[in-house]
Structure formats: structure tokens, C-alpha cells
């Protein structure tokens, strides 16, 4: 029990940590990328404003001894150290001059080709290879394309992304070790409380077996001496009901044990379902219920046969008890990747399918005992399915029928 809860606690905590780290590091990298793009755009705009590479009008004077927190001031030193070049065209589109004073990795032919490609794009600004460019018209008879090498900014973005990813992985591993170390202590009170509850149910069930057996034996003796009466019939009915209730509680307690071991073997679910359907045909006829089945042959699953028999029996018993007189019950079994068992039965009033598998939930609003149900049969069925790594669900089919679907 403790190990199961510890695993669930660790998984839940690490999902929260993963989401938090992803959002935090993603935000940091997004802000860094936007900041780098904004800075390169401002720098390119400044260079383009002074396209003769003389003093630029957009320079920002940094106060002595101070630097910008989010963005560094665009000073003359920044502009002069930027890797940039410019190509000027005359009114006829011919290259007039090329300025490569601030870059050594580009020759005139490459600069002219890039500038011509920028003009052909028809955009006033954009990006080619590792350069951002801007087209300006300092005079009516010429155009200038100014380029800025942004490979360093891209490298900075990738470096921050790599470092943040590494830091995130290390932080995730550290949190995993910390959560794993503390999870046992965190869930121990809950696990101990659940174990005490389970043990109480088990002990109470075993303790009640003896007085129930004595009551049943005394009742048999009374009927032998004085004959059967309505009072003895009521006592017998209630003792049988209490015995059945305790048996279901003990079944749930055993299934809830994390250490329960299933004796799995290939089970012909088609044969088993047919056998269970035949067992309930007579009770259904007594209530004038139409019980029909459509069972695909040869459906085999790896499971515990006794528990699957209890599962099918519980669903059919629930259907017979709560199906109104003259109603219909339909049992269907289909094969495939998973075996799908479907049971549909009519009901006298809508059922809250969201709570139908809750323990002690009764579909009838008055919670009377007329149907003979205990309110925990479907809980036991759900536990059996969960133990076999399957799924069970319930839904309303219109206003007068409920459909149970089991996938194994």
C-alpha cells in the first residue's frame, strides 16, 4: 500500500515540477530571444540611419558607469564594433559602391549578390542567411541596403537555451531524488490510515461470521420446534443479507491490498459469459424480464477465472435487481485487441452514472432494501476490472436504460 501511494505521489509531484520548469525555462528563453531580436533591430536601424557610417543620429548616450538592465545603450562603440556592411545602388539599379569597413568575412561580390537578392524580395527589411538587412533611400536617386551580422545573437540564444535545458535536467533530477526521499514520509500517515480501515473491515467481517452462524443455527432450531413464521423468515432474510454484505466487504478488502497476487491463466471469456448468462435466465424470467445475449465465440483473455465470473455475475445480478418488471437485459461480448463486454438493462428512473461505482451508492433514491442490493457490488466489480488492468464505465442510453462497458 505504501509503495503504491509513494509511486503515485512521486509521479504527481514530478508532473507538477516538469510543468513548472518547462514554463519557467521556456519564458526565460522566449524573453532572451525577443530581447536579442529587438537589440539587433535597434542596432540595424541605427546603422541604417547613418548609412554613410559616420556619426548616427540614433545613438544613445549611456550614463557614465551605468549599463542598461534589459538592453544595453546603443553607443558609438557598439555601432563601430557591429559586423555590418552596406551596398549602394544608383537610380538604374547598378551597384554604386560597397562599404566593407566593418566586416572581413564578406567580399564585394558576395555583398552585391546579397543586396540584389534583398532588393528583389521587395521588402524594406528582412533576413538573409545570418544577416538582417534594411533598405533605405538616403537620396531620391539611390538606395542603400544595410546588413548586420546576427550570427552572434543567434549563438547567444542557442547557448542560453542549451544551458537552461541542462540546468532544467539537473534540477529535475535533483527534485526527483528529493521527492522520492520525502514521499514515503509524506504519505505514510495516509497509508497507515487506509491500512487501518482495511484491517478493520477484514477483522469486523471475520468477527461477525461467528454470531451470524450462531443466529442462523438458533433460527433453524426454532423453526424445527415451532415451525416457520413471518418473523423467522424476516430474521433469515436479514442474516443472509448481512452475510452477503460482509462477503462483499471482505472481497473489496482483499482486492484493495496492494500485495494481492492474481492467479492469471487463459480464460475462454465466451464460454464463461454464456455460463453466467444461463444462471440468471431463470431469475430474469421470474421478473418477466427479456434476457438476450450476443456472445462472439473464441474470445480469450489472460485473467483470473473466478474473479471474472464474479464480475459478470455482479453485473447480471445488478441488472436483474434493478430492471423493472417487463424490462429487457442485453448482454454482448466482442473480441479484438481487447475483449469488450457490454450489458444494457432498462431502469425505472435515471441513474447517476458518475457515482454508480461508489461504495454504498444505491440507484434507487429511497435506498430501500426491496431489491436486496448492498450498494457495493458494482464497487467490487470495478475493483476486479482495475486489478486486471482493464476499464469499466457506465452511461445512460436515453432516459430508461443504463449501459455498462468492460474492456479487458
Protein backbone atom coordinates (compact mmCIF):
# COMPACT_ATOMS: atom_id res chain seq x y z
CA UNK A 1 0.00 0.00 0.00
CA UNK A 2 2.75 2.46 0.97
CA UNK A 3 4.75 1.66 -2.15
CA UNK A 4 1.73 2.22 -4.42
CA UNK A 5 0.86 5.56 -2.80
CA UNK A 6 4.52 6.59 -2.86
CA UNK A 7 4.69 5.93 -6.59
CA UNK A 8 1.52 7.93 -7.26
CA UNK A 9 2.74 10.81 -5.08
CA UNK A 10 6.12 10.88 -6.84
CA UNK A 11 4.56 10.81 -10.32
CA UNK A 12 2.11 13.59 -9.47
CA UNK A 13 4.80 15.76 -7.87
CA UNK A 14 7.19 15.31 -10.79
CA UNK A 15 4.49 16.18 -13.32
CA UNK A 16 3.99 19.46 -11.44
CA UNK A 17 7.77 20.06 -11.31
CA UNK A 18 8.12 19.29 -15.03
CA UNK A 19 5.36 21.74 -15.96
CA UNK A 20 6.84 24.42 -13.70
CA UNK A 21 10.37 24.01 -15.12
CA UNK A 22 9.08 23.94 -18.70
CA UNK A 23 7.09 27.15 -18.21
CA UNK A 24 9.88 28.92 -16.32
CA UNK A 25 12.73 27.98 -18.68
CA UNK A 26 10.53 28.49 -21.72
CA UNK A 27 9.68 32.01 -20.55
CA UNK A 28 13.35 32.80 -19.89
CA UNK A 29 14.37 31.63 -23.37
CA UNK A 30 11.48 33.44 -25.02
CA UNK A 31 12.37 36.71 -23.30
CA UNK A 32 16.04 36.24 -24.21
CA UNK A 33 15.21 35.54 -27.87
CA UNK A 34 12.87 38.55 -28.12
CA UNK A 35 15.49 40.73 -26.42
CA UNK A 36 18.21 39.64 -28.87
CA UNK A 37 15.95 40.29 -31.88
CA UNK A 38 14.92 43.67 -30.51
CA UNK A 39 18.51 44.67 -29.85
CA UNK A 40 19.69 43.65 -33.33
CA UNK A 41 16.74 45.53 -34.88
CA UNK A 42 17.61 48.71 -32.97
CA UNK A 43 21.26 48.36 -33.89
CA UNK A 44 20.45 47.83 -37.58
CA UNK A 45 18.11 50.81 -37.54
CA UNK A 46 20.83 52.96 -36.02
CA UNK A 47 23.36 51.85 -38.61
CA UNK A 48 20.89 52.39 -41.44
CA UNK A 49 20.10 55.91 -40.19
CA UNK A 50 23.75 56.83 -40.63
CA UNK A 51 24.31 54.74 -43.75
CA UNK A 52 27.50 56.65 -44.62
CA UNK A 53 28.93 55.02 -41.45
CA UNK A 54 29.54 58.39 -39.96
CA UNK A 55 28.03 59.59 -36.66
CA UNK A 56 24.49 58.21 -36.37
CA UNK A 57 21.59 60.32 -35.10
CA UNK A 58 20.05 57.45 -33.11
CA UNK A 59 23.00 56.92 -30.79
CA UNK A 60 22.08 56.69 -27.09
CA UNK A 61 24.48 58.12 -24.59
CA UNK A 62 24.99 55.76 -21.64
CA UNK A 63 25.37 57.47 -18.26
CA UNK A 64 28.91 57.12 -17.00
CA UNK A 65 29.43 53.91 -15.04
CA UNK A 66 25.94 52.56 -15.83
CA UNK A 67 24.62 49.96 -18.26
CA UNK A 68 21.09 49.14 -19.32
CA UNK A 69 19.42 46.28 -17.41
CA UNK A 70 17.26 44.83 -20.19
CA UNK A 71 19.05 46.39 -23.15
CA UNK A 72 22.49 47.94 -23.41
CA UNK A 73 22.55 51.53 -24.68
CA UNK A 74 23.40 51.83 -28.37
CA UNK A 75 26.61 53.82 -28.17
CA UNK A 76 29.16 54.69 -30.83
CA UNK A 77 31.34 51.85 -29.62
CA UNK A 78 28.53 49.36 -30.14
CA UNK A 79 27.87 50.62 -33.64
CA UNK A 80 31.54 50.57 -34.63
CA UNK A 81 32.05 47.04 -33.28
CA UNK A 82 29.00 45.62 -35.06
CA UNK A 83 29.72 43.33 -38.03
CA UNK A 84 27.93 45.23 -40.80
CA UNK A 85 28.27 46.24 -44.41
CA UNK A 86 26.32 48.32 -46.91
CA UNK A 87 25.75 48.29 -50.67
CA UNK A 88 24.58 51.41 -52.52
CA UNK A 89 22.67 51.32 -55.80
CA UNK A 90 22.10 54.15 -58.28
CA UNK A 91 18.75 55.06 -59.81
CA UNK A 92 19.21 52.46 -62.54
CA UNK A 93 19.81 49.63 -60.06
CA UNK A 94 23.53 49.28 -60.61
CA UNK A 95 25.94 48.88 -57.71
CA UNK A 96 27.38 52.31 -56.95
CA UNK A 97 29.62 51.45 -54.02
CA UNK A 98 30.21 48.85 -51.33
CA UNK A 99 31.27 49.57 -47.76
CA UNK A 100 33.02 46.60 -46.11
CA UNK A 101 34.99 48.50 -43.47
CA UNK A 102 33.25 46.78 -40.55
CA UNK A 103 33.37 43.18 -41.72
CA UNK A 104 36.14 40.93 -43.04
CA UNK A 105 34.25 37.75 -43.90
CA UNK A 106 32.33 39.22 -46.87
CA UNK A 107 33.78 40.29 -50.23
CA UNK A 108 32.29 42.79 -52.66
CA UNK A 109 30.82 40.14 -54.95
CA UNK A 110 29.00 38.37 -52.09
CA UNK A 111 27.81 41.70 -50.64
CA UNK A 112 26.43 42.79 -54.04
CA UNK A 113 24.65 39.45 -54.54
CA UNK A 114 23.03 39.61 -51.12
CA UNK A 115 21.97 43.21 -51.65
CA UNK A 116 20.50 42.40 -55.08
CA UNK A 117 18.55 39.50 -53.53
CA UNK A 118 17.24 41.81 -50.80
CA UNK A 119 16.02 44.35 -53.38
CA UNK A 120 14.33 41.63 -55.45
CA UNK A 121 12.35 40.48 -52.41
CA UNK A 122 10.55 43.81 -52.40
CA UNK A 123 10.77 44.08 -48.61
CA UNK A 124 12.16 47.05 -46.75
CA UNK A 125 13.58 44.77 -44.04
CA UNK A 126 14.20 41.07 -43.59
CA UNK A 127 16.79 38.37 -43.11
CA UNK A 128 19.15 36.55 -45.48
CA UNK A 129 21.38 33.75 -44.21
CA UNK A 130 22.85 35.06 -40.95
CA UNK A 131 22.30 38.73 -41.82
CA UNK A 132 19.44 41.08 -41.09
CA UNK A 133 19.04 43.83 -43.64
CA UNK A 134 17.25 47.12 -44.08
CA UNK A 135 16.68 49.09 -47.30
CA UNK A 136 16.95 52.90 -47.03
CA UNK A 137 16.77 55.71 -49.56
CA UNK A 138 19.10 58.47 -48.37
CA UNK A 139 18.55 60.34 -51.67
CA UNK A 140 15.93 60.23 -54.45
CA UNK A 141 18.39 58.79 -56.98
CA UNK A 142 19.86 55.97 -54.89
CA UNK A 143 19.06 53.15 -52.49
CA UNK A 144 21.23 51.56 -49.85
CA UNK A 145 20.93 48.07 -48.37
CA UNK A 146 22.49 47.82 -44.92
CA UNK A 147 23.33 44.37 -43.49
CA UNK A 148 24.04 43.36 -39.90
CA UNK A 149 25.58 40.01 -38.96
CA UNK A 150 23.32 38.49 -36.26
CA UNK A 151 25.08 35.10 -36.01
CA UNK A 152 26.46 36.07 -32.61
CA UNK A 153 22.99 36.90 -31.29
CA UNK A 154 21.69 33.57 -32.62
CA UNK A 155 24.59 31.80 -30.96
CA UNK A 156 23.78 33.57 -27.70
CA UNK A 157 20.15 32.44 -27.90
CA UNK A 158 21.16 28.83 -28.57
CA UNK A 159 23.75 28.89 -25.80
CA UNK A 160 21.21 30.18 -23.27
CA UNK A 161 18.75 27.53 -24.46
CA UNK A 162 21.33 24.75 -24.07
CA UNK A 163 22.44 25.96 -20.64
CA UNK A 164 18.86 26.35 -19.43
CA UNK A 165 17.99 22.86 -20.74
CA UNK A 166 20.98 21.40 -18.90
CA UNK A 167 20.07 23.31 -15.75
CA UNK A 168 16.47 22.13 -16.09
CA UNK A 169 17.52 18.48 -16.43
CA UNK A 170 19.82 18.73 -13.41
CA UNK A 171 17.10 20.48 -11.39
CA UNK A 172 14.54 17.83 -12.44
CA UNK A 173 16.85 15.00 -11.38
CA UNK A 174 17.57 16.73 -8.07
CA UNK A 175 13.84 17.23 -7.44
CA UNK A 176 13.17 13.59 -8.33
CA UNK A 177 15.71 12.44 -5.75
CA UNK A 178 14.29 14.84 -3.16
CA UNK A 179 10.65 13.89 -3.83
CA UNK A 180 11.49 10.19 -3.77
CA UNK A 181 13.28 10.63 -0.45
CA UNK A 182 10.45 12.60 1.15
CA UNK A 183 7.44 10.88 -0.45
CA UNK A 184 7.46 7.90 1.89
CA UNK A 185 7.34 10.17 4.91
CA UNK A 186 4.66 12.38 3.31
CA UNK A 187 2.22 9.59 2.51
CA UNK A 188 2.91 7.36 5.50
CA UNK A 189 0.01 8.81 7.63
CA UNK A 190 -2.43 8.36 4.73
CA UNK A 191 -1.20 4.84 4.00
CA UNK A 192 -1.39 3.86 7.65
CA UNK A 193 -4.92 5.22 7.94
CA UNK A 194 -6.03 3.32 4.83
CA UNK A 195 -4.39 0.17 6.13
CA UNK A 196 -6.19 0.53 9.47
CA UNK A 197 -9.51 0.94 7.66
CA UNK A 198 -8.87 -2.12 5.52
CA UNK A 199 -7.79 -4.14 8.54
CA UNK A 200 -10.89 -3.02 10.44
CA UNK A 201 -13.18 -4.24 7.65
CA UNK A 202 -11.34 -7.56 7.49
CA UNK A 203 -11.39 -8.07 11.25
CA UNK A 204 -15.04 -7.00 11.56
CA UNK A 205 -16.02 -9.38 8.78
CA UNK A 206 -14.32 -12.31 10.43
CA UNK A 207 -15.72 -11.41 13.86
CA UNK A 208 -19.28 -11.19 12.51
CA UNK A 209 -19.14 -14.60 10.89
CA UNK A 210 -19.44 -16.42 14.23
CA UNK A 211 -22.51 -14.57 15.63
CA UNK A 212 -24.20 -14.79 12.22
CA UNK A 213 -23.62 -18.55 12.15
CA UNK A 214 -24.99 -18.87 15.70
CA UNK A 215 -28.08 -16.80 14.83
CA UNK A 216 -28.66 -18.95 11.75
CA UNK A 217 -28.29 -22.18 13.76
CA UNK A 218 -30.65 -20.97 16.50
CA UNK A 219 -33.15 -19.90 13.86
CA UNK A 220 -33.06 -23.37 12.31
CA UNK A 221 -33.67 -24.89 15.76
CA UNK A 222 -36.59 -22.53 16.45
CA UNK A 223 -38.22 -23.43 13.16
CA UNK A 224 -37.80 -27.14 13.85
CA UNK A 225 -39.58 -26.78 17.20
CA UNK A 226 -42.17 -24.08 16.46
CA UNK A 227 -42.43 -24.04 12.70
CA UNK A 228 -41.72 -21.24 10.23
CA UNK A 229 -43.30 -17.81 10.73
CA UNK A 230 -43.06 -14.40 9.14
CA UNK A 231 -40.72 -13.35 11.94
CA UNK A 232 -38.34 -16.24 11.34
CA UNK A 233 -38.45 -15.57 7.60
CA UNK A 234 -37.54 -11.92 8.23
CA UNK A 235 -34.66 -12.95 10.50
CA UNK A 236 -33.38 -15.44 7.92
CA UNK A 237 -33.62 -12.85 5.15
CA UNK A 238 -31.68 -10.25 7.11
CA UNK A 239 -28.98 -12.69 8.27
CA UNK A 240 -28.47 -13.79 4.68
CA UNK A 241 -28.32 -10.17 3.64
CA UNK A 242 -25.76 -9.37 6.31
CA UNK A 243 -23.70 -12.43 5.35
CA UNK A 244 -23.69 -11.31 1.73
CA UNK A 245 -22.73 -7.79 2.71
CA UNK A 246 -19.79 -8.99 4.78
CA UNK A 247 -18.67 -11.28 1.98
CA UNK A 248 -18.62 -8.33 -0.45
CA UNK A 249 -16.75 -6.17 2.05
CA UNK A 250 -14.14 -8.87 2.53
CA UNK A 251 -13.79 -9.20 -1.23
CA UNK A 252 -13.18 -5.45 -1.54
CA UNK A 253 -10.69 -5.53 1.34
CA UNK A 254 -8.71 -8.33 -0.31
CA UNK A 255 -8.70 -6.56 -3.68
CA UNK A 256 -7.61 -3.28 -2.05
CA UNK A 257 -4.48 -4.96 -0.68
CA UNK A 258 -1.55 -3.85 -2.83
CA UNK A 259 0.09 -7.22 -2.27
CA UNK A 260 -2.78 -9.24 -3.74
CA UNK A 261 -1.50 -11.74 -6.31
CA UNK A 262 -3.63 -12.75 -9.28
CA UNK A 263 -3.52 -16.35 -10.49
CA UNK A 264 -3.68 -15.49 -14.18
CA UNK A 265 -4.39 -18.03 -16.90
CA UNK A 266 -6.01 -18.06 -20.35
CA UNK A 267 -9.78 -17.83 -19.83
CA UNK A 268 -12.37 -18.51 -22.52
CA UNK A 269 -14.48 -15.45 -21.82
CA UNK A 270 -17.11 -16.51 -24.35
CA UNK A 271 -17.84 -19.75 -22.50
CA UNK A 272 -17.71 -18.08 -19.09
CA UNK A 273 -20.09 -15.30 -20.15
CA UNK A 274 -22.51 -17.83 -21.63
CA UNK A 275 -22.50 -19.87 -18.41
CA UNK A 276 -23.20 -16.81 -16.27
CA UNK A 277 -25.99 -15.67 -18.59
CA UNK A 278 -27.69 -19.07 -18.30
CA UNK A 279 -27.50 -18.91 -14.49
CA UNK A 280 -29.51 -15.68 -14.48
CA UNK A 281 -32.04 -16.67 -17.12
CA UNK A 282 -34.42 -18.21 -14.58
CA UNK A 283 -34.37 -15.21 -12.15
CA UNK A 284 -34.96 -12.92 -15.13
CA UNK A 285 -37.97 -14.97 -16.24
CA UNK A 286 -39.45 -14.78 -12.72
CA UNK A 287 -39.47 -10.98 -13.06
CA UNK A 288 -40.74 -11.25 -16.66
CA UNK A 289 -37.51 -9.78 -18.00
CA UNK A 290 -36.28 -10.39 -21.54
CA UNK A 291 -32.65 -11.56 -21.20
CA UNK A 292 -30.85 -11.80 -24.57
CA UNK A 293 -27.16 -12.36 -25.32
CA UNK A 294 -24.89 -11.90 -28.33
CA UNK A 295 -21.58 -13.59 -27.47
CA UNK A 296 -18.79 -13.80 -30.00
CA UNK A 297 -17.09 -17.22 -29.86
CA UNK A 298 -13.43 -17.79 -29.04
CA UNK A 299 -12.80 -14.60 -27.04
CA UNK A 300 -9.90 -15.42 -24.71
CA UNK A 301 -8.26 -13.21 -22.07
CA UNK A 302 -5.44 -13.65 -19.57
CA UNK A 303 -7.21 -13.33 -16.24
CA UNK A 304 -8.38 -14.95 -13.02
CA UNK A 305 -11.40 -17.07 -13.93
CA UNK A 306 -13.07 -16.92 -10.51
CA UNK A 307 -12.88 -13.14 -10.36
CA UNK A 308 -14.16 -12.72 -13.93
CA UNK A 309 -17.07 -14.97 -13.03
CA UNK A 310 -17.78 -12.75 -10.02
CA UNK A 311 -17.56 -9.66 -12.25
CA UNK A 312 -20.08 -10.95 -14.81
CA UNK A 313 -22.31 -12.33 -12.07
CA UNK A 314 -22.32 -8.97 -10.27
CA UNK A 315 -23.30 -7.07 -13.42
CA UNK A 316 -26.09 -9.52 -14.27
CA UNK A 317 -27.32 -9.62 -10.68
CA UNK A 318 -27.42 -5.81 -10.59
CA UNK A 319 -29.34 -5.76 -13.88
CA UNK A 320 -31.93 -8.30 -12.71
CA UNK A 321 -32.44 -6.49 -9.38
CA UNK A 322 -32.90 -3.00 -10.76
CA UNK A 323 -34.56 -3.76 -14.10
CA UNK A 324 -38.30 -3.05 -13.76
CA UNK A 325 -40.78 -5.84 -14.45
CA UNK A 326 -41.24 -6.34 -18.17
CA UNK A 327 -37.88 -4.73 -18.96
CA UNK A 328 -35.04 -6.01 -21.11
CA UNK A 329 -31.44 -7.03 -20.46
CA UNK A 330 -28.95 -7.37 -23.32
CA UNK A 331 -25.50 -8.93 -22.85
CA UNK A 332 -22.92 -8.56 -25.63
CA UNK A 333 -19.32 -9.80 -25.92
CA UNK A 334 -16.98 -8.83 -28.75
CA UNK A 335 -13.32 -9.69 -29.40
CA UNK A 336 -10.46 -7.73 -30.97
CA UNK A 337 -7.39 -6.08 -29.45
CA UNK A 338 -9.36 -6.06 -26.21
CA UNK A 339 -12.37 -8.04 -25.12
CA UNK A 340 -15.40 -5.75 -24.82
CA UNK A 341 -18.27 -6.87 -22.60
CA UNK A 342 -21.41 -4.72 -22.76
CA UNK A 343 -24.52 -5.07 -20.61
CA UNK A 344 -27.60 -2.93 -21.20
CA UNK A 345 -30.67 -3.01 -18.98
CA UNK A 346 -33.71 -0.80 -18.63
CA UNK A 347 -34.21 1.18 -15.43
CA UNK A 348 -37.23 2.75 -13.81
CA UNK A 349 -35.52 6.10 -13.23
CA UNK A 350 -32.32 7.84 -14.44
CA UNK A 351 -29.09 6.72 -12.75
CA UNK A 352 -26.23 8.96 -11.68
CA UNK A 353 -23.53 7.14 -13.67
CA UNK A 354 -20.82 9.39 -12.20
CA UNK A 355 -21.46 7.84 -8.76
CA UNK A 356 -22.69 4.40 -9.70
CA UNK A 357 -19.38 2.72 -8.77
CA UNK A 358 -19.15 4.49 -5.39
CA UNK A 359 -19.39 2.21 -2.40
CA UNK A 360 -22.86 2.02 -0.82
CA UNK A 361 -24.36 4.12 -3.62
CA UNK A 362 -27.89 2.93 -4.44
CA UNK A 363 -29.57 3.83 -7.71
CA UNK A 364 -32.99 3.99 -6.04
CA UNK A 365 -33.36 7.35 -4.33
CA UNK A 366 -35.18 5.88 -1.33
CA UNK A 367 -32.29 3.46 -0.65
CA UNK A 368 -34.79 0.78 0.37
CA UNK A 369 -33.94 -2.91 0.60
CA UNK A 370 -36.69 -4.14 -1.67
CA UNK A 371 -34.23 -5.03 -4.41
CA UNK A 372 -31.96 -6.88 -1.98
CA UNK A 373 -28.84 -4.99 -3.09
CA UNK A 374 -25.99 -3.95 -0.83
CA UNK A 375 -24.71 -0.91 -2.71
CA UNK A 376 -21.16 -2.25 -3.01
CA UNK A 377 -21.47 -4.88 -5.74
CA UNK A 378 -20.51 -2.51 -8.54
CA UNK A 379 -17.62 -1.21 -6.43
CA UNK A 380 -16.33 -4.77 -6.21
CA UNK A 381 -16.80 -5.16 -9.98
CA UNK A 382 -14.81 -2.00 -10.63
CA UNK A 383 -12.04 -3.21 -8.30
CA UNK A 384 -11.83 -6.53 -10.15
CA UNK A 385 -11.55 -4.78 -13.52
CA UNK A 386 -8.92 -2.37 -12.19
CA UNK A 387 -6.95 -5.32 -10.78
CA UNK A 388 -6.89 -6.84 -14.28
CA UNK A 389 -5.61 -3.55 -15.78
CA UNK A 390 -8.89 -3.06 -17.64
CA UNK A 391 -11.57 -0.39 -17.64
CA UNK A 392 -15.26 -0.26 -16.78
CA UNK A 393 -17.69 2.57 -17.47
CA UNK A 394 -21.40 3.28 -17.24
CA UNK A 395 -23.59 5.62 -19.26
CA UNK A 396 -27.28 6.32 -19.72
CA UNK A 397 -28.81 5.22 -23.02
CA UNK A 398 -31.74 7.58 -23.21
CA UNK A 399 -33.76 8.08 -20.04
CA UNK A 400 -34.75 4.49 -19.39
CA UNK A 401 -31.62 2.34 -19.88
CA UNK A 402 -28.10 2.13 -18.46
CA UNK A 403 -25.16 0.57 -20.33
CA UNK A 404 -22.10 -0.95 -18.65
CA UNK A 405 -18.97 -1.44 -20.77
CA UNK A 406 -15.99 -3.55 -19.63
CA UNK A 407 -12.72 -3.68 -21.59
CA UNK A 408 -10.16 -6.33 -20.69
